[in-house]
Amino acid sequence: MSSTTSQTTTRHHFRFHAPYAHLSSAFGDSWFGTKAEAFARFFGTPTFVVGQTVLVGIWIVLNAGGVTHFDVYPFILLNLAFSLQAAYAAPLILLAQTRQADRDKAHADADAQHREDLAKAGAERQEIAEKMTADILRLLEQNTRLTELTSQLSKHIEELTGEIHHRVVAP
């Protein structure tokens, strides 16, 4: 049992995740991959939505109000900017989702292996407990037999002592 305990204490908690460490994500593990995923995640934040709304509002007010004339109504340059943004945002978001799906799958596989390991360890502990219970019952039976034997021997000693006492004191 001590070898099982020492194995348990020396095991790494993320040992089931190690086989998936070699998998590269859709973006790769380079600087570009990390930055591209961060950029794709930024598209879904309130900061991005509010910031873009403010910029578009300023753009329209400046051009429609006559303050500047670099993109007059119907705002062709603004439409091109949105098209360019969509052209880059959609693939980046899809790639970020793919990368997250890969991580989720790897974690799910590792978690399943961990649950299987826990179930196996639980079954082993159950088997050990059953063996120990059987040993305890066997020892209790032996103890009961020894107690009965001790009781019988004590009665026999008492009878012999009484008989010896009767023979020595009686004459």
N, C-alpha and C. Protein backbone atom coordinates (compact mmCIF):
# COMPACT_ATOMS: atom_id res chain seq x y z
N MET A 1 0.82 -1.20 0.00
CA MET A 1 0.00 0.00 0.00
C MET A 1 0.86 1.26 0.00
N SER A 2 2.04 1.20 0.59
CA SER A 2 2.92 2.38 0.62
C SER A 2 3.41 2.74 -0.76
N SER A 3 3.61 1.75 -1.65
CA SER A 3 4.04 2.08 -3.01
C SER A 3 2.94 2.80 -3.77
N THR A 4 1.67 2.44 -3.52
CA THR A 4 0.55 3.12 -4.16
C THR A 4 0.47 4.56 -3.68
N THR A 5 0.66 4.77 -2.37
CA THR A 5 0.61 6.12 -1.81
C THR A 5 1.74 6.97 -2.37
N SER A 6 2.95 6.42 -2.47
CA SER A 6 4.06 7.21 -2.98
C SER A 6 3.87 7.53 -4.46
N GLN A 7 3.26 6.61 -5.23
CA GLN A 7 2.99 6.90 -6.63
C GLN A 7 1.98 8.03 -6.75
N THR A 8 0.98 8.03 -5.90
CA THR A 8 -0.06 9.04 -5.97
C THR A 8 0.51 10.42 -5.65
N THR A 9 1.39 10.50 -4.67
CA THR A 9 1.92 11.81 -4.28
C THR A 9 2.92 12.35 -5.28
N THR A 10 3.59 11.48 -6.07
CA THR A 10 4.57 11.97 -7.02
C THR A 10 3.98 12.23 -8.40
N ARG A 11 2.74 11.87 -8.64
CA ARG A 11 2.12 12.09 -9.94
C ARG A 11 1.86 13.58 -10.16
N HIS A 12 2.01 14.00 -11.40
CA HIS A 12 1.75 15.37 -11.77
C HIS A 12 0.25 15.54 -12.00
N HIS A 13 -0.33 16.62 -11.51
CA HIS A 13 -1.78 16.82 -11.61
C HIS A 13 -2.27 16.92 -13.05
N PHE A 14 -1.45 17.41 -13.96
CA PHE A 14 -1.86 17.58 -15.35
C PHE A 14 -1.25 16.50 -16.25
N ARG A 15 -0.99 15.31 -15.69
CA ARG A 15 -0.35 14.25 -16.46
C ARG A 15 -1.20 13.80 -17.63
N PHE A 16 -2.50 13.97 -17.55
CA PHE A 16 -3.36 13.56 -18.65
C PHE A 16 -3.37 14.59 -19.78
N HIS A 17 -2.94 15.81 -19.50
CA HIS A 17 -2.88 16.85 -20.52
C HIS A 17 -1.58 16.78 -21.32
N ALA A 18 -0.56 16.13 -20.78
CA ALA A 18 0.75 16.09 -21.43
C ALA A 18 0.71 15.51 -22.84
N PRO A 19 -0.07 14.45 -23.12
CA PRO A 19 -0.06 13.92 -24.49
C PRO A 19 -0.56 14.91 -25.54
N TYR A 20 -1.26 15.96 -25.12
CA TYR A 20 -1.81 16.92 -26.07
C TYR A 20 -0.95 18.17 -26.20
N ALA A 21 0.16 18.23 -25.50
CA ALA A 21 1.02 19.41 -25.53
C ALA A 21 1.62 19.64 -26.91
N HIS A 22 1.79 18.60 -27.71
CA HIS A 22 2.43 18.73 -29.02
C HIS A 22 1.47 19.27 -30.08
N LEU A 23 0.19 19.29 -29.79
CA LEU A 23 -0.78 19.74 -30.80
C LEU A 23 -0.62 21.23 -31.04
N SER A 24 -0.51 21.62 -32.29
CA SER A 24 -0.46 23.05 -32.60
C SER A 24 -1.86 23.52 -32.91
N SER A 25 -2.14 24.72 -32.56
CA SER A 25 -3.47 25.26 -32.78
C SER A 25 -3.60 25.79 -34.20
N ALA A 26 -4.79 26.22 -34.55
CA ALA A 26 -5.04 26.74 -35.90
C ALA A 26 -4.18 27.97 -36.18
N PHE A 27 -3.93 28.79 -35.17
CA PHE A 27 -3.09 29.97 -35.33
C PHE A 27 -1.61 29.63 -35.18
N GLY A 28 -1.33 28.49 -34.60
CA GLY A 28 0.05 28.15 -34.27
C GLY A 28 0.36 28.69 -32.88
N ASP A 29 1.52 28.35 -32.39
CA ASP A 29 1.90 28.78 -31.04
C ASP A 29 2.86 29.96 -31.08
N SER A 30 2.97 30.60 -32.21
CA SER A 30 3.89 31.72 -32.38
C SER A 30 3.28 33.01 -31.84
N TRP A 31 4.06 34.05 -31.95
CA TRP A 31 3.61 35.39 -31.54
C TRP A 31 2.36 35.77 -32.32
N PHE A 32 2.37 35.48 -33.64
CA PHE A 32 1.22 35.82 -34.48
C PHE A 32 -0.04 35.12 -34.00
N GLY A 33 0.08 33.85 -33.69
CA GLY A 33 -1.08 33.09 -33.23
C GLY A 33 -1.68 33.67 -31.96
N THR A 34 -0.83 34.01 -31.02
CA THR A 34 -1.31 34.58 -29.76
C THR A 34 -1.97 35.93 -29.99
N LYS A 35 -1.33 36.79 -30.77
CA LYS A 35 -1.88 38.13 -31.03
C LYS A 35 -3.15 38.05 -31.86
N ALA A 36 -3.19 37.16 -32.86
CA ALA A 36 -4.38 37.03 -33.70
C ALA A 36 -5.57 36.57 -32.87
N GLU A 37 -5.33 35.63 -31.95
CA GLU A 37 -6.44 35.17 -31.12
C GLU A 37 -6.90 36.28 -30.17
N ALA A 38 -5.95 37.02 -29.61
CA ALA A 38 -6.32 38.13 -28.73
C ALA A 38 -7.12 39.18 -29.49
N PHE A 39 -6.72 39.46 -30.72
CA PHE A 39 -7.43 40.43 -31.55
C PHE A 39 -8.84 39.93 -31.86
N ALA A 40 -8.96 38.64 -32.20
CA ALA A 40 -10.27 38.07 -32.50
C ALA A 40 -11.18 38.10 -31.28
N ARG A 41 -10.61 37.86 -30.11
CA ARG A 41 -11.41 37.91 -28.88
C ARG A 41 -11.86 39.34 -28.58
N PHE A 42 -11.02 40.32 -28.95
CA PHE A 42 -11.35 41.72 -28.71
C PHE A 42 -12.60 42.15 -29.48
N PHE A 43 -12.84 41.53 -30.66
CA PHE A 43 -14.02 41.89 -31.45
C PHE A 43 -15.33 41.70 -30.69
N GLY A 44 -15.36 40.81 -29.74
CA GLY A 44 -16.60 40.53 -29.01
C GLY A 44 -16.76 41.29 -27.71
N THR A 45 -15.90 42.26 -27.46
CA THR A 45 -15.97 42.97 -26.18
C THR A 45 -16.82 44.24 -26.30
N PRO A 46 -17.41 44.68 -25.20
CA PRO A 46 -18.15 45.95 -25.21
C PRO A 46 -17.25 47.13 -25.57
N THR A 47 -15.99 47.06 -25.19
CA THR A 47 -15.05 48.15 -25.52
C THR A 47 -14.97 48.34 -27.02
N PHE A 48 -14.86 47.24 -27.77
CA PHE A 48 -14.78 47.33 -29.22
C PHE A 48 -16.07 47.90 -29.80
N VAL A 49 -17.21 47.38 -29.36
CA VAL A 49 -18.50 47.83 -29.91
C VAL A 49 -18.73 49.31 -29.63
N VAL A 50 -18.48 49.74 -28.40
CA VAL A 50 -18.66 51.15 -28.05
C VAL A 50 -17.66 52.01 -28.81
N GLY A 51 -16.40 51.59 -28.86
CA GLY A 51 -15.38 52.36 -29.57
C GLY A 51 -15.70 52.51 -31.05
N GLN A 52 -16.11 51.43 -31.69
CA GLN A 52 -16.45 51.48 -33.11
C GLN A 52 -17.67 52.37 -33.32
N THR A 53 -18.66 52.29 -32.44
CA THR A 53 -19.85 53.12 -32.57
C THR A 53 -19.49 54.61 -32.47
N VAL A 54 -18.62 54.94 -31.53
CA VAL A 54 -18.19 56.33 -31.36
C VAL A 54 -17.43 56.81 -32.60
N LEU A 55 -16.51 56.00 -33.11
CA LEU A 55 -15.75 56.40 -34.29
C LEU A 55 -16.65 56.58 -35.51
N VAL A 56 -17.58 55.66 -35.71
CA VAL A 56 -18.49 55.78 -36.85
C VAL A 56 -19.37 57.02 -36.70
N GLY A 57 -19.81 57.28 -35.48
CA GLY A 57 -20.63 58.48 -35.23
C GLY A 57 -19.86 59.75 -35.54
N ILE A 58 -18.62 59.82 -35.07
CA ILE A 58 -17.78 61.00 -35.35
C ILE A 58 -17.55 61.13 -36.86
N TRP A 59 -17.24 60.02 -37.51
CA TRP A 59 -17.02 59.99 -38.97
C TRP A 59 -18.21 60.59 -39.71
N ILE A 60 -19.39 60.11 -39.35
CA ILE A 60 -20.61 60.56 -40.05
C ILE A 60 -20.89 62.02 -39.75
N VAL A 61 -20.76 62.41 -38.47
CA VAL A 61 -21.03 63.80 -38.10
C VAL A 61 -20.07 64.75 -38.81
N LEU A 62 -18.77 64.41 -38.84
CA LEU A 62 -17.78 65.27 -39.49
C LEU A 62 -18.04 65.40 -41.00
N ASN A 63 -18.39 64.30 -41.65
CA ASN A 63 -18.59 64.32 -43.10
C ASN A 63 -19.98 64.84 -43.49
N ALA A 64 -21.00 64.46 -42.76
CA ALA A 64 -22.36 64.92 -43.10
C ALA A 64 -22.56 66.37 -42.69
N GLY A 65 -21.87 66.79 -41.63
CA GLY A 65 -22.00 68.17 -41.15
C GLY A 65 -21.19 69.16 -41.95
N GLY A 66 -20.35 68.69 -42.84
CA GLY A 66 -19.57 69.59 -43.68
C GLY A 66 -18.27 70.04 -43.05
N VAL A 67 -17.89 69.50 -41.88
CA VAL A 67 -16.64 69.88 -41.24
C VAL A 67 -15.46 69.43 -42.09
N THR A 68 -15.58 68.28 -42.68
CA THR A 68 -14.55 67.75 -43.57
C THR A 68 -15.25 67.05 -44.74
N HIS A 69 -14.51 66.85 -45.81
CA HIS A 69 -15.14 66.28 -47.00
C HIS A 69 -14.37 65.09 -47.55
N PHE A 70 -13.66 64.33 -46.68
CA PHE A 70 -12.88 63.21 -47.21
C PHE A 70 -13.74 61.98 -47.53
N ASP A 71 -14.98 61.90 -46.98
CA ASP A 71 -15.87 60.78 -47.29
C ASP A 71 -17.31 61.27 -47.22
N VAL A 72 -17.73 61.95 -48.23
CA VAL A 72 -19.08 62.52 -48.23
C VAL A 72 -20.12 61.42 -48.41
N TYR A 73 -21.36 61.79 -48.10
CA TYR A 73 -22.47 60.85 -48.25
C TYR A 73 -22.47 60.29 -49.67
N PRO A 74 -22.57 59.01 -49.85
CA PRO A 74 -23.04 57.83 -49.10
C PRO A 74 -21.92 57.09 -48.35
N PHE A 75 -20.86 57.76 -47.99
CA PHE A 75 -19.80 57.22 -47.15
C PHE A 75 -19.18 55.94 -47.73
N ILE A 76 -18.68 56.04 -48.94
CA ILE A 76 -18.06 54.91 -49.63
C ILE A 76 -16.82 54.43 -48.87
N LEU A 77 -16.00 55.35 -48.39
CA LEU A 77 -14.78 54.97 -47.65
C LEU A 77 -15.14 54.24 -46.35
N LEU A 78 -16.19 54.67 -45.67
CA LEU A 78 -16.65 54.01 -44.45
C LEU A 78 -17.12 52.59 -44.77
N ASN A 79 -17.84 52.42 -45.88
CA ASN A 79 -18.28 51.09 -46.30
C ASN A 79 -17.08 50.20 -46.63
N LEU A 80 -16.07 50.76 -47.28
CA LEU A 80 -14.85 49.99 -47.57
C LEU A 80 -14.14 49.58 -46.27
N ALA A 81 -14.11 50.49 -45.29
CA ALA A 81 -13.48 50.18 -44.00
C ALA A 81 -14.22 49.03 -43.31
N PHE A 82 -15.56 49.08 -43.36
CA PHE A 82 -16.34 47.98 -42.77
C PHE A 82 -16.11 46.67 -43.51
N SER A 83 -16.03 46.72 -44.82
CA SER A 83 -15.77 45.51 -45.61
C SER A 83 -14.41 44.93 -45.28
N LEU A 84 -13.41 45.80 -45.17
CA LEU A 84 -12.07 45.33 -44.81
C LEU A 84 -12.06 44.71 -43.42
N GLN A 85 -12.73 45.38 -42.50
CA GLN A 85 -12.82 44.86 -41.13
C GLN A 85 -13.49 43.49 -41.14
N ALA A 86 -14.60 43.34 -41.86
CA ALA A 86 -15.30 42.06 -41.93
C ALA A 86 -14.45 40.99 -42.59
N ALA A 87 -13.68 41.38 -43.60
CA ALA A 87 -12.83 40.42 -44.30
C ALA A 87 -11.78 39.83 -43.38
N TYR A 88 -11.30 40.60 -42.42
CA TYR A 88 -10.31 40.09 -41.49
C TYR A 88 -10.95 39.51 -40.23
N ALA A 89 -12.04 40.12 -39.78
CA ALA A 89 -12.65 39.70 -38.51
C ALA A 89 -13.23 38.30 -38.60
N ALA A 90 -13.96 38.01 -39.67
CA ALA A 90 -14.62 36.70 -39.76
C ALA A 90 -13.62 35.55 -39.71
N PRO A 91 -12.56 35.56 -40.52
CA PRO A 91 -11.60 34.44 -40.42
C PRO A 91 -10.90 34.38 -39.07
N LEU A 92 -10.57 35.54 -38.51
CA LEU A 92 -9.90 35.52 -37.20
C LEU A 92 -10.81 34.95 -36.13
N ILE A 93 -12.07 35.32 -36.17
CA ILE A 93 -13.03 34.79 -35.18
C ILE A 93 -13.21 33.29 -35.37
N LEU A 94 -13.33 32.85 -36.61
CA LEU A 94 -13.48 31.42 -36.87
C LEU A 94 -12.22 30.65 -36.43
N LEU A 95 -11.06 31.21 -36.70
CA LEU A 95 -9.82 30.56 -36.28
C LEU A 95 -9.71 30.52 -34.76
N ALA A 96 -10.13 31.59 -34.10
CA ALA A 96 -10.11 31.60 -32.63
C ALA A 96 -11.06 30.54 -32.08
N GLN A 97 -12.22 30.36 -32.72
CA GLN A 97 -13.16 29.33 -32.28
C GLN A 97 -12.56 27.94 -32.50
N THR A 98 -11.87 27.76 -33.63
CA THR A 98 -11.24 26.47 -33.90
C THR A 98 -10.16 26.17 -32.87
N ARG A 99 -9.39 27.20 -32.57
CA ARG A 99 -8.32 27.04 -31.57
C ARG A 99 -8.92 26.69 -30.21
N GLN A 100 -10.01 27.36 -29.84
CA GLN A 100 -10.66 27.07 -28.57
C GLN A 100 -11.27 25.67 -28.58
N ALA A 101 -11.84 25.27 -29.72
CA ALA A 101 -12.42 23.93 -29.83
C ALA A 101 -11.34 22.86 -29.66
N ASP A 102 -10.15 23.10 -30.22
CA ASP A 102 -9.04 22.16 -30.05
C ASP A 102 -8.65 22.04 -28.58
N ARG A 103 -8.57 23.19 -27.90
CA ARG A 103 -8.23 23.16 -26.48
C ARG A 103 -9.31 22.45 -25.68
N ASP A 104 -10.59 22.74 -26.00
CA ASP A 104 -11.69 22.10 -25.28
C ASP A 104 -11.67 20.59 -25.46
N LYS A 105 -11.38 20.15 -26.69
CA LYS A 105 -11.32 18.70 -26.96
C LYS A 105 -10.18 18.06 -26.18
N ALA A 106 -9.02 18.70 -26.19
CA ALA A 106 -7.88 18.16 -25.46
C ALA A 106 -8.18 18.09 -23.97
N HIS A 107 -8.81 19.14 -23.42
CA HIS A 107 -9.17 19.13 -22.00
C HIS A 107 -10.23 18.08 -21.70
N ALA A 108 -11.19 17.91 -22.60
CA ALA A 108 -12.24 16.90 -22.39
C ALA A 108 -11.64 15.50 -22.41
N ASP A 109 -10.71 15.25 -23.34
CA ASP A 109 -10.05 13.94 -23.38
C ASP A 109 -9.24 13.70 -22.11
N ALA A 110 -8.50 14.72 -21.69
CA ALA A 110 -7.70 14.58 -20.47
C ALA A 110 -8.59 14.38 -19.25
N ASP A 111 -9.70 15.10 -19.20
CA ASP A 111 -10.63 14.94 -18.08
C ASP A 111 -11.24 13.55 -18.07
N ALA A 112 -11.56 13.02 -19.25
CA ALA A 112 -12.11 11.66 -19.32
C ALA A 112 -11.09 10.64 -18.81
N GLN A 113 -9.84 10.82 -19.21
CA GLN A 113 -8.79 9.92 -18.73
C GLN A 113 -8.64 10.05 -17.21
N HIS A 114 -8.75 11.27 -16.72
CA HIS A 114 -8.64 11.50 -15.28
C HIS A 114 -9.79 10.81 -14.54
N ARG A 115 -11.02 10.93 -15.08
CA ARG A 115 -12.16 10.26 -14.45
C ARG A 115 -11.98 8.74 -14.46
N GLU A 116 -11.45 8.21 -15.56
CA GLU A 116 -11.20 6.77 -15.63
C GLU A 116 -10.17 6.35 -14.59
N ASP A 117 -9.13 7.17 -14.44
CA ASP A 117 -8.10 6.88 -13.45
C ASP A 117 -8.68 6.93 -12.03
N LEU A 118 -9.54 7.92 -11.79
CA LEU A 118 -10.19 8.01 -10.48
C LEU A 118 -11.09 6.80 -10.22
N ALA A 119 -11.82 6.38 -11.24
CA ALA A 119 -12.69 5.21 -11.09
C ALA A 119 -11.87 3.97 -10.80
N LYS A 120 -10.75 3.81 -11.51
CA LYS A 120 -9.87 2.67 -11.29
C LYS A 120 -9.29 2.70 -9.87
N ALA A 121 -8.84 3.88 -9.44
CA ALA A 121 -8.30 4.02 -8.09
C ALA A 121 -9.38 3.73 -7.05
N GLY A 122 -10.61 4.19 -7.31
CA GLY A 122 -11.72 3.92 -6.39
C GLY A 122 -12.01 2.43 -6.30
N ALA A 123 -11.98 1.74 -7.45
CA ALA A 123 -12.22 0.30 -7.45
C ALA A 123 -11.10 -0.43 -6.69
N GLU A 124 -9.87 0.03 -6.88
CA GLU A 124 -8.75 -0.58 -6.15
C GLU A 124 -8.91 -0.37 -4.65
N ARG A 125 -9.31 0.83 -4.25
CA ARG A 125 -9.53 1.11 -2.82
C ARG A 125 -10.67 0.26 -2.27
N GLN A 126 -11.72 0.09 -3.08
CA GLN A 126 -12.85 -0.73 -2.66
C GLN A 126 -12.41 -2.17 -2.45
N GLU A 127 -11.58 -2.68 -3.37
CA GLU A 127 -11.07 -4.05 -3.26
C GLU A 127 -10.22 -4.20 -2.01
N ILE A 128 -9.37 -3.22 -1.75
CA ILE A 128 -8.53 -3.25 -0.54
C ILE A 128 -9.40 -3.22 0.71
N ALA A 129 -10.44 -2.37 0.69
CA ALA A 129 -11.34 -2.29 1.85
C ALA A 129 -12.06 -3.61 2.09
N GLU A 130 -12.48 -4.26 1.00
CA GLU A 130 -13.15 -5.55 1.14
C GLU A 130 -12.21 -6.60 1.72
N LYS A 131 -10.95 -6.61 1.25
CA LYS A 131 -9.97 -7.55 1.79
C LYS A 131 -9.72 -7.28 3.27
N MET A 132 -9.59 -5.99 3.61
CA MET A 132 -9.35 -5.64 5.02
C MET A 132 -10.54 -6.03 5.89
N THR A 133 -11.74 -5.84 5.37
CA THR A 133 -12.94 -6.22 6.12
C THR A 133 -12.96 -7.73 6.34
N ALA A 134 -12.62 -8.50 5.30
CA ALA A 134 -12.57 -9.95 5.44
C ALA A 134 -11.51 -10.35 6.47
N ASP A 135 -10.35 -9.69 6.44
CA ASP A 135 -9.30 -9.98 7.42
C ASP A 135 -9.76 -9.65 8.83
N ILE A 136 -10.45 -8.54 8.99
CA ILE A 136 -10.95 -8.16 10.32
C ILE A 136 -11.97 -9.18 10.82
N LEU A 137 -12.87 -9.62 9.94
CA LEU A 137 -13.85 -10.64 10.33
C LEU A 137 -13.16 -11.94 10.72
N ARG A 138 -12.15 -12.34 9.96
CA ARG A 138 -11.40 -13.55 10.28
C ARG A 138 -10.72 -13.40 11.64
N LEU A 139 -10.11 -12.25 11.90
CA LEU A 139 -9.45 -12.01 13.19
C LEU A 139 -10.45 -11.99 14.34
N LEU A 140 -11.64 -11.43 14.09
CA LEU A 140 -12.68 -11.42 15.13
C LEU A 140 -13.14 -12.84 15.45
N GLU A 141 -13.28 -13.68 14.42
CA GLU A 141 -13.65 -15.08 14.65
C GLU A 141 -12.57 -15.80 15.45
N GLN A 142 -11.31 -15.55 15.10
CA GLN A 142 -10.21 -16.15 15.86
C GLN A 142 -10.23 -15.67 17.30
N ASN A 143 -10.47 -14.39 17.48
CA ASN A 143 -10.53 -13.82 18.82
C ASN A 143 -11.66 -14.46 19.63
N THR A 144 -12.81 -14.66 18.97
CA THR A 144 -13.95 -15.28 19.65
C THR A 144 -13.60 -16.72 20.07
N ARG A 145 -12.98 -17.47 19.14
CA ARG A 145 -12.58 -18.85 19.47
C ARG A 145 -11.57 -18.86 20.61
N LEU A 146 -10.60 -17.95 20.57
CA LEU A 146 -9.60 -17.89 21.65
C LEU A 146 -10.24 -17.51 22.98
N THR A 147 -11.20 -16.61 22.94
CA THR A 147 -11.90 -16.21 24.17
C THR A 147 -12.68 -17.39 24.74
N GLU A 148 -13.35 -18.15 23.86
CA GLU A 148 -14.08 -19.33 24.32
C GLU A 148 -13.12 -20.37 24.90
N LEU A 149 -12.00 -20.58 24.24
CA LEU A 149 -11.01 -21.54 24.72
C LEU A 149 -10.45 -21.10 26.06
N THR A 150 -10.17 -19.78 26.18
CA THR A 150 -9.67 -19.24 27.45
C THR A 150 -10.70 -19.44 28.54
N SER A 151 -11.96 -19.22 28.21
CA SER A 151 -13.03 -19.41 29.18
C SER A 151 -13.11 -20.87 29.61
N GLN A 152 -13.03 -21.79 28.65
CA GLN A 152 -13.08 -23.22 28.97
C GLN A 152 -11.90 -23.63 29.84
N LEU A 153 -10.70 -23.13 29.47
CA LEU A 153 -9.51 -23.46 30.25
C LEU A 153 -9.60 -22.87 31.66
N SER A 154 -10.15 -21.67 31.75
CA SER A 154 -10.31 -21.05 33.08
C SER A 154 -11.25 -21.88 33.95
N LYS A 155 -12.34 -22.36 33.36
CA LYS A 155 -13.29 -23.21 34.10
C LYS A 155 -12.62 -24.52 34.51
N HIS A 156 -11.85 -25.09 33.59
CA HIS A 156 -11.16 -26.34 33.89
C HIS A 156 -10.14 -26.14 35.00
N ILE A 157 -9.41 -25.00 34.94
CA ILE A 157 -8.43 -24.69 36.00
C ILE A 157 -9.16 -24.51 37.32
N GLU A 158 -10.29 -23.85 37.29
CA GLU A 158 -11.08 -23.63 38.52
C GLU A 158 -11.53 -24.97 39.10
N GLU A 159 -11.98 -25.87 38.24
CA GLU A 159 -12.42 -27.19 38.70
C GLU A 159 -11.25 -27.96 39.30
N LEU A 160 -10.09 -27.94 38.60
CA LEU A 160 -8.91 -28.64 39.12
C LEU A 160 -8.42 -28.04 40.43
N THR A 161 -8.46 -26.71 40.47
CA THR A 161 -8.05 -26.03 41.71
C THR A 161 -8.97 -26.43 42.85
N GLY A 162 -10.27 -26.45 42.56
CA GLY A 162 -11.24 -26.87 43.59
C GLY A 162 -11.02 -28.30 44.01
N GLU A 163 -10.72 -29.19 43.05
CA GLU A 163 -10.49 -30.60 43.37
C GLU A 163 -9.23 -30.77 44.19
N ILE A 164 -8.15 -30.06 43.80
CA ILE A 164 -6.89 -30.12 44.57
C ILE A 164 -7.13 -29.58 45.97
N HIS A 165 -7.81 -28.45 46.06
CA HIS A 165 -8.09 -27.84 47.36
C HIS A 165 -8.94 -28.80 48.21
N HIS A 166 -9.88 -29.47 47.62
CA HIS A 166 -10.74 -30.40 48.33
C HIS A 166 -9.91 -31.59 48.84
N ARG A 167 -8.96 -32.09 48.02
CA ARG A 167 -8.14 -33.24 48.42
C ARG A 167 -7.11 -32.85 49.48
N VAL A 168 -6.61 -31.65 49.39
CA VAL A 168 -5.57 -31.25 50.34
C VAL A 168 -6.21 -30.85 51.67
N VAL A 169 -7.28 -30.16 51.67
CA VAL A 169 -7.89 -29.65 52.88
C VAL A 169 -8.78 -30.72 53.52
N ALA A 170 -9.38 -31.59 52.77
CA ALA A 170 -10.35 -32.56 53.28
C ALA A 170 -9.71 -33.60 54.24
N PRO A 171 -8.56 -34.14 54.00
CA PRO A 171 -8.12 -35.20 54.92
C PRO A 171 -7.75 -34.69 56.26
